[in-house]
Amino acid sequence: MAGILILYSTTDGHTLRICQQLRQLIEQHGHHVMLVSITYADQVEPAMFDKIVIGASIRYGKHQTQVYDFVKDNLELLDSKPSAFFTVNLVARKPDKNRPETNPYLWKFLQQVNWRPKHLAVFAGKIDYPKYHFWDRQIIRLIMWLTNGPTDPKTVAEYTDWKQVAQFAQLVCEM
């Protein structure tokens, strides 16, 4: 049994939902999981865990600054332990962008932080226009229009492949 820290950043709550599913699946294998928002990462001691997983959402093409900061500040620790990273973004709804080797946001992030986690994953996110503030809704609709996605302001669509999430949980257990 391992102690596993899952740190996450979420914009609208969907990355947290994925992390909660990961925690449940990993705990079924007998591991202890602590799930912590990246906002509160300074309140835990990552070195006390056997494995570290970071999950991060994308908004307007970028991960939250706190994710970059945590990885850069803890790079030596992350490289010394089994670690994994996943990103959640709407571009991953497309078959040619839903794998670690084909997702531009994942590679851009890894190049900027010089971290090489043992396992990587890309999960398609969720679009929930009614939940967004006015300007976010308009900007996201424009992005969706440009990328042939849904633009109806009443659209709520989840693209996450939960089987893929379960496979990632298994990889985390095995690392």
C-alpha atoms as a PDB file:
ATOM      1  CA  MET A   1       0.000   0.000   0.000  1.00  0.00           C
ATOM      2  CA  ALA A   2       1.271   3.426  -0.964  1.00  0.00           C
ATOM      3  CA  GLY A   3       0.491   6.922   0.166  1.00  0.00           C
ATOM      4  CA  ILE A   4      -0.500   8.906  -2.901  1.00  0.00           C
ATOM      5  CA  LEU A   5      -0.909  12.663  -3.135  1.00  0.00           C
ATOM      6  CA  ILE A   6      -3.219  13.938  -5.858  1.00  0.00           C
ATOM      7  CA  LEU A   7      -2.911  17.671  -6.403  1.00  0.00           C
ATOM      8  CA  TYR A   8      -5.327  19.352  -8.758  1.00  0.00           C
ATOM      9  CA  SER A   9      -6.244  22.659 -10.287  1.00  0.00           C
ATOM     10  CA  THR A  10      -9.741  23.076 -11.583  1.00  0.00           C
ATOM     11  CA  THR A  11     -11.520  25.968 -13.231  1.00  0.00           C
ATOM     12  CA  ASP A  12     -15.144  24.850 -13.226  1.00  0.00           C
ATOM     13  CA  GLY A  13     -14.940  21.721 -11.067  1.00  0.00           C
ATOM     14  CA  HIS A  14     -14.603  18.994 -13.701  1.00  0.00           C
ATOM     15  CA  THR A  15     -10.938  18.253 -12.996  1.00  0.00           C
ATOM     16  CA  LEU A  16     -11.867  17.829  -9.335  1.00  0.00           C
ATOM     17  CA  ARG A  17     -14.563  15.340 -10.370  1.00  0.00           C
ATOM     18  CA  ILE A  18     -11.970  13.359 -12.348  1.00  0.00           C
ATOM     19  CA  CYS A  19      -9.626  13.425  -9.345  1.00  0.00           C
ATOM     20  CA  GLN A  20     -12.383  12.186  -7.055  1.00  0.00           C
ATOM     21  CA  GLN A  21     -12.964   9.264  -9.406  1.00  0.00           C
ATOM     22  CA  LEU A  22      -9.220   8.545  -9.491  1.00  0.00           C
ATOM     23  CA  ARG A  23      -9.090   8.596  -5.689  1.00  0.00           C
ATOM     24  CA  GLN A  24     -11.985   6.178  -5.430  1.00  0.00           C
ATOM     25  CA  LEU A  25     -10.456   3.762  -7.942  1.00  0.00           C
ATOM     26  CA  ILE A  26      -6.986   3.922  -6.387  1.00  0.00           C
ATOM     27  CA  GLU A  27      -8.340   3.427  -2.869  1.00  0.00           C
ATOM     28  CA  GLN A  28     -10.110   0.265  -4.067  1.00  0.00           C
ATOM     29  CA  HIS A  29      -6.599  -1.132  -4.572  1.00  0.00           C
ATOM     30  CA  GLY A  30      -5.774  -0.486  -0.913  1.00  0.00           C
ATOM     31  CA  HIS A  31      -3.757   2.703  -1.300  1.00  0.00           C
ATOM     32  CA  HIS A  32      -4.198   5.792   0.847  1.00  0.00           C
ATOM     33  CA  VAL A  33      -4.974   8.893  -1.230  1.00  0.00           C
ATOM     34  CA  MET A  34      -4.930  12.518  -0.171  1.00  0.00           C
ATOM     35  CA  LEU A  35      -6.692  14.857  -2.608  1.00  0.00           C
ATOM     36  CA  VAL A  36      -5.621  18.495  -2.312  1.00  0.00           C
ATOM     37  CA  SER A  37      -6.260  21.613  -4.380  1.00  0.00           C
ATOM     38  CA  ILE A  38      -3.056  23.122  -5.739  1.00  0.00           C
ATOM     39  CA  THR A  39      -4.175  26.284  -3.917  1.00  0.00           C
ATOM     40  CA  TYR A  40      -3.454  24.517  -0.615  1.00  0.00           C
ATOM     41  CA  ALA A  41      -0.347  22.582  -1.688  1.00  0.00           C
ATOM     42  CA  ASP A  42       1.752  24.565   0.784  1.00  0.00           C
ATOM     43  CA  GLN A  43      -0.277  23.006   3.617  1.00  0.00           C
ATOM     44  CA  VAL A  44       0.862  19.439   2.852  1.00  0.00           C
ATOM     45  CA  GLU A  45       4.304  17.870   2.809  1.00  0.00           C
ATOM     46  CA  PRO A  46       4.637  16.175  -0.601  1.00  0.00           C
ATOM     47  CA  ALA A  47       7.844  14.414   0.472  1.00  0.00           C
ATOM     48  CA  MET A  48       5.807  12.279   2.895  1.00  0.00           C
ATOM     49  CA  PHE A  49       3.987  10.561   0.026  1.00  0.00           C
ATOM     50  CA  ASP A  50       5.205   7.603  -2.002  1.00  0.00           C
ATOM     51  CA  LYS A  51       3.696   8.841  -5.266  1.00  0.00           C
ATOM     52  CA  ILE A  52       2.498  12.198  -6.560  1.00  0.00           C
ATOM     53  CA  VAL A  53      -0.148  12.849  -9.198  1.00  0.00           C
ATOM     54  CA  ILE A  54      -0.992  16.291 -10.547  1.00  0.00           C
ATOM     55  CA  GLY A  55      -4.132  17.007 -12.554  1.00  0.00           C
ATOM     56  CA  ALA A  56      -4.642  20.377 -14.192  1.00  0.00           C
ATOM     57  CA  SER A  57      -7.370  22.008 -16.196  1.00  0.00           C
ATOM     58  CA  ILE A  58      -6.835  24.264 -19.180  1.00  0.00           C
ATOM     59  CA  ARG A  59      -8.558  27.600 -19.639  1.00  0.00           C
ATOM     60  CA  TYR A  60      -7.759  29.718 -22.675  1.00  0.00           C
ATOM     61  CA  GLY A  61      -4.818  27.511 -23.563  1.00  0.00           C
ATOM     62  CA  LYS A  62      -3.018  27.613 -20.212  1.00  0.00           C
ATOM     63  CA  HIS A  63      -2.770  25.757 -16.956  1.00  0.00           C
ATOM     64  CA  GLN A  64      -3.140  27.779 -13.772  1.00  0.00           C
ATOM     65  CA  THR A  65       0.020  29.588 -12.663  1.00  0.00           C
ATOM     66  CA  GLN A  66      -0.011  27.682  -9.362  1.00  0.00           C
ATOM     67  CA  VAL A  67       0.570  24.414 -11.235  1.00  0.00           C
ATOM     68  CA  TYR A  68       3.682  25.775 -12.961  1.00  0.00           C
ATOM     69  CA  ASP A  69       4.921  27.198  -9.672  1.00  0.00           C
ATOM     70  CA  PHE A  70       4.403  23.972  -7.736  1.00  0.00           C
ATOM     71  CA  VAL A  71       6.193  21.854 -10.322  1.00  0.00           C
ATOM     72  CA  LYS A  72       9.109  24.270 -10.650  1.00  0.00           C
ATOM     73  CA  ASP A  73       9.457  24.627  -6.867  1.00  0.00           C
ATOM     74  CA  ASN A  74       9.295  20.853  -6.329  1.00  0.00           C
ATOM     75  CA  LEU A  75      10.989  19.532  -9.458  1.00  0.00           C
ATOM     76  CA  GLU A  76      13.723  17.649  -7.608  1.00  0.00           C
ATOM     77  CA  LEU A  77      11.155  15.943  -5.368  1.00  0.00           C
ATOM     78  CA  LEU A  78       8.875  15.097  -8.310  1.00  0.00           C
ATOM     79  CA  ASP A  79      11.801  13.581 -10.198  1.00  0.00           C
ATOM     80  CA  SER A  80      12.804  11.489  -7.165  1.00  0.00           C
ATOM     81  CA  LYS A  81       9.407   9.767  -6.775  1.00  0.00           C
ATOM     82  CA  PRO A  82       6.994   7.967  -9.045  1.00  0.00           C
ATOM     83  CA  SER A  83       4.851  10.753 -10.429  1.00  0.00           C
ATOM     84  CA  ALA A  84       2.115  11.264 -12.978  1.00  0.00           C
ATOM     85  CA  PHE A  85       0.485  14.218 -14.673  1.00  0.00           C
ATOM     86  CA  PHE A  86      -2.763  14.675 -16.526  1.00  0.00           C
ATOM     87  CA  THR A  87      -4.376  17.615 -18.204  1.00  0.00           C
ATOM     88  CA  VAL A  88      -8.073  18.223 -18.833  1.00  0.00           C
ATOM     89  CA  ASN A  89      -9.063  20.246 -21.863  1.00  0.00           C
ATOM     90  CA  LEU A  90     -11.762  20.544 -24.480  1.00  0.00           C
ATOM     91  CA  VAL A  91      -9.392  20.162 -27.425  1.00  0.00           C
ATOM     92  CA  ALA A  92      -9.005  16.546 -26.236  1.00  0.00           C
ATOM     93  CA  ARG A  93     -12.560  15.905 -27.422  1.00  0.00           C
ATOM     94  CA  LYS A  94     -10.955  15.467 -30.837  1.00  0.00           C
ATOM     95  CA  PRO A  95      -9.441  12.039 -31.592  1.00  0.00           C
ATOM     96  CA  ASP A  96      -6.219  13.562 -32.905  1.00  0.00           C
ATOM     97  CA  LYS A  97      -5.642  15.579 -29.688  1.00  0.00           C
ATOM     98  CA  ASN A  98      -6.686  13.162 -26.931  1.00  0.00           C
ATOM     99  CA  ARG A  99      -3.416  11.335 -26.285  1.00  0.00           C
ATOM    100  CA  PRO A 100      -0.324  12.540 -24.438  1.00  0.00           C
ATOM    101  CA  GLU A 101       1.767  12.431 -27.589  1.00  0.00           C
ATOM    102  CA  THR A 102      -0.731  14.524 -29.587  1.00  0.00           C
ATOM    103  CA  ASN A 103      -2.042  17.079 -27.097  1.00  0.00           C
ATOM    104  CA  PRO A 104      -0.360  20.460 -27.603  1.00  0.00           C
ATOM    105  CA  TYR A 105      -1.196  21.779 -24.124  1.00  0.00           C
ATOM    106  CA  LEU A 106       0.465  18.846 -22.403  1.00  0.00           C
ATOM    107  CA  TRP A 107       3.708  19.199 -24.342  1.00  0.00           C
ATOM    108  CA  LYS A 108       3.821  22.949 -23.975  1.00  0.00           C
ATOM    109  CA  PHE A 109       3.469  22.572 -20.206  1.00  0.00           C
ATOM    110  CA  LEU A 110       6.142  19.870 -19.925  1.00  0.00           C
ATOM    111  CA  GLN A 111       8.600  21.907 -21.998  1.00  0.00           C
ATOM    112  CA  GLN A 112       8.107  24.905 -19.739  1.00  0.00           C
ATOM    113  CA  VAL A 113       8.676  23.023 -16.482  1.00  0.00           C
ATOM    114  CA  ASN A 114      11.251  20.372 -17.507  1.00  0.00           C
ATOM    115  CA  TRP A 115       9.423  17.676 -15.572  1.00  0.00           C
ATOM    116  CA  ARG A 116       9.211  14.118 -16.896  1.00  0.00           C
ATOM    117  CA  PRO A 117       6.490  12.245 -15.008  1.00  0.00           C
ATOM    118  CA  LYS A 118       6.401   8.467 -15.289  1.00  0.00           C
ATOM    119  CA  HIS A 119       2.844   8.518 -16.643  1.00  0.00           C
ATOM    120  CA  LEU A 120       0.919  11.099 -18.631  1.00  0.00           C
ATOM    121  CA  ALA A 121      -2.727  11.354 -19.586  1.00  0.00           C
ATOM    122  CA  VAL A 122      -5.051  13.713 -21.394  1.00  0.00           C
ATOM    123  CA  PHE A 123      -8.749  13.751 -20.583  1.00  0.00           C
ATOM    124  CA  ALA A 124     -11.397  15.576 -22.519  1.00  0.00           C
ATOM    125  CA  GLY A 125     -13.299  17.985 -20.346  1.00  0.00           C
ATOM    126  CA  LYS A 126     -16.808  19.285 -20.090  1.00  0.00           C
ATOM    127  CA  ILE A 127     -18.515  22.285 -21.593  1.00  0.00           C
ATOM    128  CA  ASP A 128     -21.217  23.885 -19.484  1.00  0.00           C
ATOM    129  CA  TYR A 129     -22.269  27.175 -21.021  1.00  0.00           C
ATOM    130  CA  PRO A 130     -25.060  27.929 -18.502  1.00  0.00           C
ATOM    131  CA  LYS A 131     -22.501  27.758 -15.672  1.00  0.00           C
ATOM    132  CA  TYR A 132     -20.066  30.238 -17.235  1.00  0.00           C
ATOM    133  CA  HIS A 133     -20.017  33.969 -16.630  1.00  0.00           C
ATOM    134  CA  PHE A 134     -21.134  36.081 -19.583  1.00  0.00           C
ATOM    135  CA  TRP A 135     -17.688  36.865 -21.050  1.00  0.00           C
ATOM    136  CA  ASP A 136     -16.325  33.354 -20.519  1.00  0.00           C
ATOM    137  CA  ARG A 137     -19.394  31.977 -22.277  1.00  0.00           C
ATOM    138  CA  GLN A 138     -18.853  34.286 -25.267  1.00  0.00           C
ATOM    139  CA  ILE A 139     -15.121  33.593 -25.554  1.00  0.00           C
ATOM    140  CA  ILE A 140     -15.582  29.842 -25.227  1.00  0.00           C
ATOM    141  CA  ARG A 141     -18.382  29.922 -27.826  1.00  0.00           C
ATOM    142  CA  LEU A 142     -15.998  31.713 -30.188  1.00  0.00           C
ATOM    143  CA  ILE A 143     -13.279  29.137 -29.553  1.00  0.00           C
ATOM    144  CA  MET A 144     -15.790  26.331 -30.119  1.00  0.00           C
ATOM    145  CA  TRP A 145     -16.995  27.966 -33.323  1.00  0.00           C
ATOM    146  CA  LEU A 146     -13.392  28.163 -34.550  1.00  0.00           C
ATOM    147  CA  THR A 147     -12.786  24.501 -33.655  1.00  0.00           C
ATOM    148  CA  ASN A 148     -16.127  23.109 -34.848  1.00  0.00           C
ATOM    149  CA  GLY A 149     -17.444  22.538 -31.342  1.00  0.00           C
ATOM    150  CA  PRO A 150     -20.876  23.221 -29.854  1.00  0.00           C
ATOM    151  CA  THR A 151     -21.858  26.896 -29.726  1.00  0.00           C
ATOM    152  CA  ASP A 152     -25.449  26.780 -28.449  1.00  0.00           C
ATOM    153  CA  PRO A 153     -25.340  28.749 -25.162  1.00  0.00           C
ATOM    154  CA  LYS A 154     -27.586  26.139 -23.536  1.00  0.00           C
ATOM    155  CA  THR A 155     -25.129  23.308 -24.238  1.00  0.00           C
ATOM    156  CA  VAL A 156     -23.878  21.107 -21.438  1.00  0.00           C
ATOM    157  CA  ALA A 157     -21.684  18.352 -22.864  1.00  0.00           C
ATOM    158  CA  GLU A 158     -19.233  16.048 -21.136  1.00  0.00           C
ATOM    159  CA  TYR A 159     -16.501  14.516 -23.282  1.00  0.00           C
ATOM    160  CA  THR A 160     -14.557  12.652 -20.585  1.00  0.00           C
ATOM    161  CA  ASP A 161     -13.789   9.013 -21.322  1.00  0.00           C
ATOM    162  CA  TRP A 162     -14.236   7.486 -17.866  1.00  0.00           C
ATOM    163  CA  LYS A 163     -12.756   4.182 -19.018  1.00  0.00           C
ATOM    164  CA  GLN A 164      -9.575   6.076 -19.848  1.00  0.00           C
ATOM    165  CA  VAL A 165      -9.641   7.603 -16.346  1.00  0.00           C
ATOM    166  CA  ALA A 166      -9.882   4.085 -14.873  1.00  0.00           C
ATOM    167  CA  GLN A 167      -6.901   2.951 -16.980  1.00  0.00           C
ATOM    168  CA  PHE A 168      -4.882   5.884 -15.694  1.00  0.00           C
ATOM    169  CA  ALA A 169      -5.809   5.004 -12.106  1.00  0.00           C
ATOM    170  CA  GLN A 170      -4.462   1.503 -12.729  1.00  0.00           C
ATOM    171  CA  LEU A 171      -1.172   2.954 -14.025  1.00  0.00           C
ATOM    172  CA  VAL A 172      -0.878   5.109 -10.913  1.00  0.00           C
ATOM    173  CA  CYS A 173      -1.401   2.037  -8.729  1.00  0.00           C
ATOM    174  CA  GLU A 174       1.307   0.143 -10.610  1.00  0.00           C
ATOM    175  CA  MET A 175       3.985   2.841 -10.694  1.00  0.00           C
END
